[in-house]
Amino acid sequence: MRRLAPVLRLLVIGLVALFAACDTSNAPADHTVNENGVFHKPGLQNPTVNCTECHGASLQGGRGPSCTSCHGVKW
């Protein structure tokens, strides 16, 4: 049972980080497009042009979170 505790702790931390990354309560005011409860900035259909200022050139994060934290490796 003691071996399982560190694994469970890491799993819980990972799940908390995942859900925090997709939290929309911290979305900037200009993120007005609601996609399944998650707010994006207009122009989200072309993220490598419209989202890199905050989410980084590769959309892996910058001032904003990584897009892959919610979208997976789609980007």
PDB file of N, CA and C in Angstrom:
ATOM      1  N   MET A   1       0.815  -1.189   0.000  1.00  0.00           N
ATOM      2  CA  MET A   1       0.000   0.000   0.000  1.00  0.00           C
ATOM      3  C   MET A   1       0.864   1.260   0.000  1.00  0.00           C
ATOM      4  N   ARG A   2       2.032   1.207   0.653  1.00  0.00           N
ATOM      5  CA  ARG A   2       2.903   2.374   0.698  1.00  0.00           C
ATOM      6  C   ARG A   2       3.443   2.730  -0.682  1.00  0.00           C
ATOM      7  N   ARG A   3       3.626   1.730  -1.553  1.00  0.00           N
ATOM      8  CA  ARG A   3       4.111   2.011  -2.905  1.00  0.00           C
ATOM      9  C   ARG A   3       3.045   2.714  -3.732  1.00  0.00           C
ATOM     10  N   LEU A   4       1.818   2.449  -3.439  1.00  0.00           N
ATOM     11  CA  LEU A   4       0.719   3.025  -4.193  1.00  0.00           C
ATOM     12  C   LEU A   4       0.487   4.496  -3.853  1.00  0.00           C
ATOM     13  N   ALA A   5       0.814   4.913  -2.649  1.00  0.00           N
ATOM     14  CA  ALA A   5       0.564   6.286  -2.210  1.00  0.00           C
ATOM     15  C   ALA A   5       1.242   7.329  -3.111  1.00  0.00           C
ATOM     16  N   PRO A   6       2.529   7.191  -3.455  1.00  0.00           N
ATOM     17  CA  PRO A   6       3.139   8.199  -4.338  1.00  0.00           C
ATOM     18  C   PRO A   6       2.484   8.233  -5.720  1.00  0.00           C
ATOM     19  N   VAL A   7       2.088   7.101  -6.227  1.00  0.00           N
ATOM     20  CA  VAL A   7       1.435   7.047  -7.535  1.00  0.00           C
ATOM     21  C   VAL A   7       0.088   7.756  -7.476  1.00  0.00           C
ATOM     22  N   LEU A   8      -0.673   7.512  -6.439  1.00  0.00           N
ATOM     23  CA  LEU A   8      -1.964   8.184  -6.281  1.00  0.00           C
ATOM     24  C   LEU A   8      -1.787   9.684  -6.109  1.00  0.00           C
ATOM     25  N   ARG A   9      -0.774  10.078  -5.360  1.00  0.00           N
ATOM     26  CA  ARG A   9      -0.503  11.497  -5.149  1.00  0.00           C
ATOM     27  C   ARG A   9      -0.198  12.175  -6.486  1.00  0.00           C
ATOM     28  N   LEU A  10       0.627  11.548  -7.317  1.00  0.00           N
ATOM     29  CA  LEU A  10       0.945  12.110  -8.628  1.00  0.00           C
ATOM     30  C   LEU A  10      -0.283  12.159  -9.534  1.00  0.00           C
ATOM     31  N   LEU A  11      -1.122  11.142  -9.447  1.00  0.00           N
ATOM     32  CA  LEU A  11      -2.346  11.114 -10.242  1.00  0.00           C
ATOM     33  C   LEU A  11      -3.265  12.258  -9.856  1.00  0.00           C
ATOM     34  N   VAL A  12      -3.440  12.485  -8.578  1.00  0.00           N
ATOM     35  CA  VAL A  12      -4.294  13.572  -8.101  1.00  0.00           C
ATOM     36  C   VAL A  12      -3.724  14.918  -8.539  1.00  0.00           C
ATOM     37  N   ILE A  13      -2.425  15.114  -8.404  1.00  0.00           N
ATOM     38  CA  ILE A  13      -1.791  16.362  -8.818  1.00  0.00           C
ATOM     39  C   ILE A  13      -1.976  16.580 -10.320  1.00  0.00           C
ATOM     40  N   GLY A  14      -1.817  15.531 -11.091  1.00  0.00           N
ATOM     41  CA  GLY A  14      -1.994  15.621 -12.532  1.00  0.00           C
ATOM     42  C   GLY A  14      -3.418  15.991 -12.914  1.00  0.00           C
ATOM     43  N   LEU A  15      -4.387  15.387 -12.245  1.00  0.00           N
ATOM     44  CA  LEU A  15      -5.787  15.691 -12.544  1.00  0.00           C
ATOM     45  C   LEU A  15      -6.143  17.126 -12.158  1.00  0.00           C
ATOM     46  N   VAL A  16      -5.646  17.571 -11.035  1.00  0.00           N
ATOM     47  CA  VAL A  16      -5.895  18.948 -10.612  1.00  0.00           C
ATOM     48  C   VAL A  16      -5.285  19.911 -11.626  1.00  0.00           C
ATOM     49  N   ALA A  17      -4.075  19.649 -12.080  1.00  0.00           N
ATOM     50  CA  ALA A  17      -3.413  20.517 -13.066  1.00  0.00           C
ATOM     51  C   ALA A  17      -4.178  20.529 -14.380  1.00  0.00           C
ATOM     52  N   LEU A  18      -4.678  19.380 -14.800  1.00  0.00           N
ATOM     53  CA  LEU A  18      -5.435  19.298 -16.044  1.00  0.00           C
ATOM     54  C   LEU A  18      -6.698  20.139 -15.972  1.00  0.00           C
ATOM     55  N   PHE A  19      -7.454  19.983 -14.907  1.00  0.00           N
ATOM     56  CA  PHE A  19      -8.691  20.744 -14.777  1.00  0.00           C
ATOM     57  C   PHE A  19      -8.427  22.228 -14.576  1.00  0.00           C
ATOM     58  N   ALA A  20      -7.364  22.573 -13.894  1.00  0.00           N
ATOM     59  CA  ALA A  20      -7.024  23.985 -13.711  1.00  0.00           C
ATOM     60  C   ALA A  20      -6.642  24.620 -15.037  1.00  0.00           C
ATOM     61  N   ALA A  21      -5.963  23.866 -15.897  1.00  0.00           N
ATOM     62  CA  ALA A  21      -5.557  24.393 -17.201  1.00  0.00           C
ATOM     63  C   ALA A  21      -6.760  24.694 -18.077  1.00  0.00           C
ATOM     64  N   CYS A  22      -7.842  23.972 -17.913  1.00  0.00           N
ATOM     65  CA  CYS A  22      -9.037  24.171 -18.726  1.00  0.00           C
ATOM     66  C   CYS A  22     -10.066  25.053 -18.033  1.00  0.00           C
ATOM     67  N   ASP A  23      -9.694  25.654 -16.946  1.00  0.00           N
ATOM     68  CA  ASP A  23     -10.597  26.533 -16.205  1.00  0.00           C
ATOM     69  C   ASP A  23     -10.849  27.792 -17.016  1.00  0.00           C
ATOM     70  N   THR A  24     -12.105  28.102 -17.295  1.00  0.00           N
ATOM     71  CA  THR A  24     -12.436  29.271 -18.108  1.00  0.00           C
ATOM     72  C   THR A  24     -12.721  30.504 -17.258  1.00  0.00           C
ATOM     73  N   SER A  25     -12.701  30.395 -15.964  1.00  0.00           N
ATOM     74  CA  SER A  25     -13.000  31.552 -15.125  1.00  0.00           C
ATOM     75  C   SER A  25     -11.912  32.609 -15.221  1.00  0.00           C
ATOM     76  N   ASN A  26     -10.728  32.235 -15.706  1.00  0.00           N
ATOM     77  CA  ASN A  26      -9.617  33.172 -15.836  1.00  0.00           C
ATOM     78  C   ASN A  26      -9.439  33.660 -17.261  1.00  0.00           C
ATOM     79  N   ALA A  27     -10.379  33.361 -18.150  1.00  0.00           N
ATOM     80  CA  ALA A  27     -10.241  33.773 -19.544  1.00  0.00           C
ATOM     81  C   ALA A  27     -10.288  35.290 -19.658  1.00  0.00           C
ATOM     82  N   PRO A  28      -9.433  35.859 -20.524  1.00  0.00           N
ATOM     83  CA  PRO A  28      -9.457  37.315 -20.730  1.00  0.00           C
ATOM     84  C   PRO A  28     -10.798  37.766 -21.303  1.00  0.00           C
ATOM     85  N   ALA A  29     -11.107  39.039 -21.137  1.00  0.00           N
ATOM     86  CA  ALA A  29     -12.390  39.582 -21.572  1.00  0.00           C
ATOM     87  C   ALA A  29     -12.612  39.451 -23.073  1.00  0.00           C
ATOM     88  N   ASP A  30     -11.528  39.448 -23.867  1.00  0.00           N
ATOM     89  CA  ASP A  30     -11.693  39.343 -25.321  1.00  0.00           C
ATOM     90  C   ASP A  30     -11.928  37.913 -25.799  1.00  0.00           C
ATOM     91  N   HIS A  31     -11.938  36.956 -24.889  1.00  0.00           N
ATOM     92  CA  HIS A  31     -12.251  35.564 -25.227  1.00  0.00           C
ATOM     93  C   HIS A  31     -13.766  35.379 -25.103  1.00  0.00           C
ATOM     94  N   THR A  32     -14.471  35.698 -26.180  1.00  0.00           N
ATOM     95  CA  THR A  32     -15.934  35.763 -26.162  1.00  0.00           C
ATOM     96  C   THR A  32     -16.615  34.624 -26.902  1.00  0.00           C
ATOM     97  N   VAL A  33     -15.844  33.755 -27.549  1.00  0.00           N
ATOM     98  CA  VAL A  33     -16.419  32.653 -28.318  1.00  0.00           C
ATOM     99  C   VAL A  33     -16.520  31.428 -27.411  1.00  0.00           C
ATOM    100  N   ASN A  34     -17.742  30.991 -27.148  1.00  0.00           N
ATOM    101  CA  ASN A  34     -17.977  29.856 -26.257  1.00  0.00           C
ATOM    102  C   ASN A  34     -17.970  28.571 -27.082  1.00  0.00           C
ATOM    103  N   GLU A  35     -16.998  27.742 -26.847  1.00  0.00           N
ATOM    104  CA  GLU A  35     -16.895  26.430 -27.487  1.00  0.00           C
ATOM    105  C   GLU A  35     -17.046  25.368 -26.406  1.00  0.00           C
ATOM    106  N   ASN A  36     -18.241  24.832 -26.286  1.00  0.00           N
ATOM    107  CA  ASN A  36     -18.516  23.790 -25.292  1.00  0.00           C
ATOM    108  C   ASN A  36     -18.158  24.218 -23.875  1.00  0.00           C
ATOM    109  N   GLY A  37     -18.458  25.472 -23.538  1.00  0.00           N
ATOM    110  CA  GLY A  37     -18.219  25.958 -22.193  1.00  0.00           C
ATOM    111  C   GLY A  37     -16.838  26.529 -21.959  1.00  0.00           C
ATOM    112  N   VAL A  38     -15.985  26.524 -22.973  1.00  0.00           N
ATOM    113  CA  VAL A  38     -14.640  27.082 -22.858  1.00  0.00           C
ATOM    114  C   VAL A  38     -14.569  28.295 -23.777  1.00  0.00           C
ATOM    115  N   PHE A  39     -14.143  29.427 -23.229  1.00  0.00           N
ATOM    116  CA  PHE A  39     -14.116  30.664 -24.001  1.00  0.00           C
ATOM    117  C   PHE A  39     -12.783  30.851 -24.716  1.00  0.00           C
ATOM    118  N   HIS A  40     -12.884  31.140 -26.014  1.00  0.00           N
ATOM    119  CA  HIS A  40     -11.734  31.384 -26.869  1.00  0.00           C
ATOM    120  C   HIS A  40     -11.853  32.779 -27.477  1.00  0.00           C
ATOM    121  N   LYS A  41     -10.755  33.273 -27.976  1.00  0.00           N
ATOM    122  CA  LYS A  41     -10.734  34.552 -28.674  1.00  0.00           C
ATOM    123  C   LYS A  41     -11.250  34.352 -30.100  1.00  0.00           C
ATOM    124  N   PRO A  42     -11.970  35.310 -30.666  1.00  0.00           N
ATOM    125  CA  PRO A  42     -12.375  35.188 -32.064  1.00  0.00           C
ATOM    126  C   PRO A  42     -11.148  34.926 -32.943  1.00  0.00           C
ATOM    127  N   GLY A  43     -11.308  34.088 -33.937  1.00  0.00           N
ATOM    128  CA  GLY A  43     -10.197  33.705 -34.804  1.00  0.00           C
ATOM    129  C   GLY A  43      -9.584  32.377 -34.402  1.00  0.00           C
ATOM    130  N   LEU A  44     -10.234  31.678 -33.494  1.00  0.00           N
ATOM    131  CA  LEU A  44      -9.683  30.429 -32.979  1.00  0.00           C
ATOM    132  C   LEU A  44      -9.523  29.353 -34.046  1.00  0.00           C
ATOM    133  N   GLN A  45     -10.205  29.501 -35.181  1.00  0.00           N
ATOM    134  CA  GLN A  45     -10.074  28.512 -36.248  1.00  0.00           C
ATOM    135  C   GLN A  45      -8.678  28.551 -36.879  1.00  0.00           C
ATOM    136  N   ASN A  46      -7.945  29.622 -36.663  1.00  0.00           N
ATOM    137  CA  ASN A  46      -6.588  29.758 -37.171  1.00  0.00           C
ATOM    138  C   ASN A  46      -5.661  30.129 -36.010  1.00  0.00           C
ATOM    139  N   PRO A  47      -5.450  29.193 -35.091  1.00  0.00           N
ATOM    140  CA  PRO A  47      -4.734  29.524 -33.855  1.00  0.00           C
ATOM    141  C   PRO A  47      -3.271  29.890 -34.056  1.00  0.00           C
ATOM    142  N   THR A  48      -2.611  29.360 -35.094  1.00  0.00           N
ATOM    143  CA  THR A  48      -1.198  29.694 -35.275  1.00  0.00           C
ATOM    144  C   THR A  48      -1.018  31.139 -35.724  1.00  0.00           C
ATOM    145  N   VAL A  49      -2.102  31.789 -36.132  1.00  0.00           N
ATOM    146  CA  VAL A  49      -2.057  33.202 -36.484  1.00  0.00           C
ATOM    147  C   VAL A  49      -2.643  34.059 -35.358  1.00  0.00           C
ATOM    148  N   ASN A  50      -3.737  33.615 -34.774  1.00  0.00           N
ATOM    149  CA  ASN A  50      -4.506  34.451 -33.849  1.00  0.00           C
ATOM    150  C   ASN A  50      -4.264  34.212 -32.370  1.00  0.00           C
ATOM    151  N   CYS A  51      -3.594  33.153 -31.999  1.00  0.00           N
ATOM    152  CA  CYS A  51      -3.489  32.811 -30.569  1.00  0.00           C
ATOM    153  C   CYS A  51      -2.060  32.781 -30.035  1.00  0.00           C
ATOM    154  N   THR A  52      -1.081  32.953 -30.910  1.00  0.00           N
ATOM    155  CA  THR A  52       0.310  32.783 -30.494  1.00  0.00           C
ATOM    156  C   THR A  52       0.829  33.881 -29.574  1.00  0.00           C
ATOM    157  N   GLU A  53       0.232  35.061 -29.628  1.00  0.00           N
ATOM    158  CA  GLU A  53       0.712  36.156 -28.777  1.00  0.00           C
ATOM    159  C   GLU A  53       0.694  35.754 -27.301  1.00  0.00           C
ATOM    160  N   CYS A  54      -0.352  35.055 -26.892  1.00  0.00           N
ATOM    161  CA  CYS A  54      -0.464  34.642 -25.493  1.00  0.00           C
ATOM    162  C   CYS A  54      -0.128  33.169 -25.257  1.00  0.00           C
ATOM    163  N   HIS A  55      -0.440  32.333 -26.234  1.00  0.00           N
ATOM    164  CA  HIS A  55      -0.271  30.892 -26.040  1.00  0.00           C
ATOM    165  C   HIS A  55       1.043  30.353 -26.603  1.00  0.00           C
ATOM    166  N   GLY A  56       1.899  31.229 -27.114  1.00  0.00           N
ATOM    167  CA  GLY A  56       3.213  30.841 -27.602  1.00  0.00           C
ATOM    168  C   GLY A  56       3.203  30.460 -29.074  1.00  0.00           C
ATOM    169  N   ALA A  57       4.366  30.581 -29.708  1.00  0.00           N
ATOM    170  CA  ALA A  57       4.497  30.322 -31.142  1.00  0.00           C
ATOM    171  C   ALA A  57       4.061  28.910 -31.522  1.00  0.00           C
ATOM    172  N   SER A  58       4.290  27.953 -30.645  1.00  0.00           N
ATOM    173  CA  SER A  58       3.907  26.564 -30.930  1.00  0.00           C
ATOM    174  C   SER A  58       2.640  26.172 -30.175  1.00  0.00           C
ATOM    175  N   LEU A  59       1.982  27.170 -29.573  1.00  0.00           N
ATOM    176  CA  LEU A  59       0.763  26.964 -28.780  1.00  0.00           C
ATOM    177  C   LEU A  59       1.002  26.094 -27.545  1.00  0.00           C
ATOM    178  N   GLN A  60       2.252  26.025 -27.112  1.00  0.00           N
ATOM    179  CA  GLN A  60       2.614  25.231 -25.939  1.00  0.00           C
ATOM    180  C   GLN A  60       2.595  26.046 -24.651  1.00  0.00           C
ATOM    181  N   GLY A  61       2.105  27.272 -24.742  1.00  0.00           N
ATOM    182  CA  GLY A  61       1.992  28.095 -23.546  1.00  0.00           C
ATOM    183  C   GLY A  61       2.912  29.289 -23.594  1.00  0.00           C
ATOM    184  N   GLY A  62       2.514  30.301 -22.931  1.00  0.00           N
ATOM    185  CA  GLY A  62       3.256  31.554 -22.831  1.00  0.00           C
ATOM    186  C   GLY A  62       2.646  32.286 -21.666  1.00  0.00           C
ATOM    187  N   ARG A  63       2.071  33.458 -21.939  1.00  0.00           N
ATOM    188  CA  ARG A  63       1.307  34.144 -20.894  1.00  0.00           C
ATOM    189  C   ARG A  63       0.025  33.372 -20.623  1.00  0.00           C
ATOM    190  N   GLY A  64      -0.496  32.711 -21.641  1.00  0.00           N
ATOM    191  CA  GLY A  64      -1.682  31.867 -21.503  1.00  0.00           C
ATOM    192  C   GLY A  64      -1.261  30.418 -21.426  1.00  0.00           C
ATOM    193  N   PRO A  65      -2.183  29.544 -21.092  1.00  0.00           N
ATOM    194  CA  PRO A  65      -1.839  28.125 -20.962  1.00  0.00           C
ATOM    195  C   PRO A  65      -1.558  27.478 -22.312  1.00  0.00           C
ATOM    196  N   SER A  66      -0.971  26.318 -22.264  1.00  0.00           N
ATOM    197  CA  SER A  66      -0.758  25.526 -23.465  1.00  0.00           C
ATOM    198  C   SER A  66      -2.100  25.091 -24.028  1.00  0.00           C
ATOM    199  N   CYS A  67      -2.263  25.214 -25.335  1.00  0.00           N
ATOM    200  CA  CYS A  67      -3.501  24.756 -25.970  1.00  0.00           C
ATOM    201  C   CYS A  67      -3.630  23.244 -25.859  1.00  0.00           C
ATOM    202  N   THR A  68      -2.486  22.550 -25.810  1.00  0.00           N
ATOM    203  CA  THR A  68      -2.529  21.091 -25.722  1.00  0.00           C
ATOM    204  C   THR A  68      -3.040  20.602 -24.373  1.00  0.00           C
ATOM    205  N   SER A  69      -3.058  21.483 -23.354  1.00  0.00           N
ATOM    206  CA  SER A  69      -3.566  21.050 -22.050  1.00  0.00           C
ATOM    207  C   SER A  69      -5.042  20.703 -22.133  1.00  0.00           C
ATOM    208  N   CYS A  70      -5.760  21.293 -23.081  1.00  0.00           N
ATOM    209  CA  CYS A  70      -7.179  20.962 -23.278  1.00  0.00           C
ATOM    210  C   CYS A  70      -7.423  20.216 -24.592  1.00  0.00           C
ATOM    211  N   HIS A  71      -6.643  20.534 -25.614  1.00  0.00           N
ATOM    212  CA  HIS A  71      -6.894  19.988 -26.943  1.00  0.00           C
ATOM    213  C   HIS A  71      -6.027  18.784 -27.273  1.00  0.00           C
ATOM    214  N   GLY A  72      -5.119  18.389 -26.427  1.00  0.00           N
ATOM    215  CA  GLY A  72      -4.231  17.292 -26.733  1.00  0.00           C
ATOM    216  C   GLY A  72      -3.220  17.695 -27.805  1.00  0.00           C
ATOM    217  N   VAL A  73      -2.724  16.727 -28.548  1.00  0.00           N
ATOM    218  CA  VAL A  73      -1.686  16.988 -29.550  1.00  0.00           C
ATOM    219  C   VAL A  73      -2.267  17.433 -30.885  1.00  0.00           C
ATOM    220  N   LYS A  74      -3.545  17.770 -30.908  1.00  0.00           N
ATOM    221  CA  LYS A  74      -4.217  18.231 -32.130  1.00  0.00           C
ATOM    222  C   LYS A  74      -3.453  19.370 -32.794  1.00  0.00           C
ATOM    223  N   TRP A  75      -2.856  20.248 -32.038  1.00  0.00           N
ATOM    224  CA  TRP A  75      -2.171  21.427 -32.595  1.00  0.00           C
ATOM    225  C   TRP A  75      -0.845  21.033 -33.135  1.00  0.00           C
TER     226      TRP A  75
END
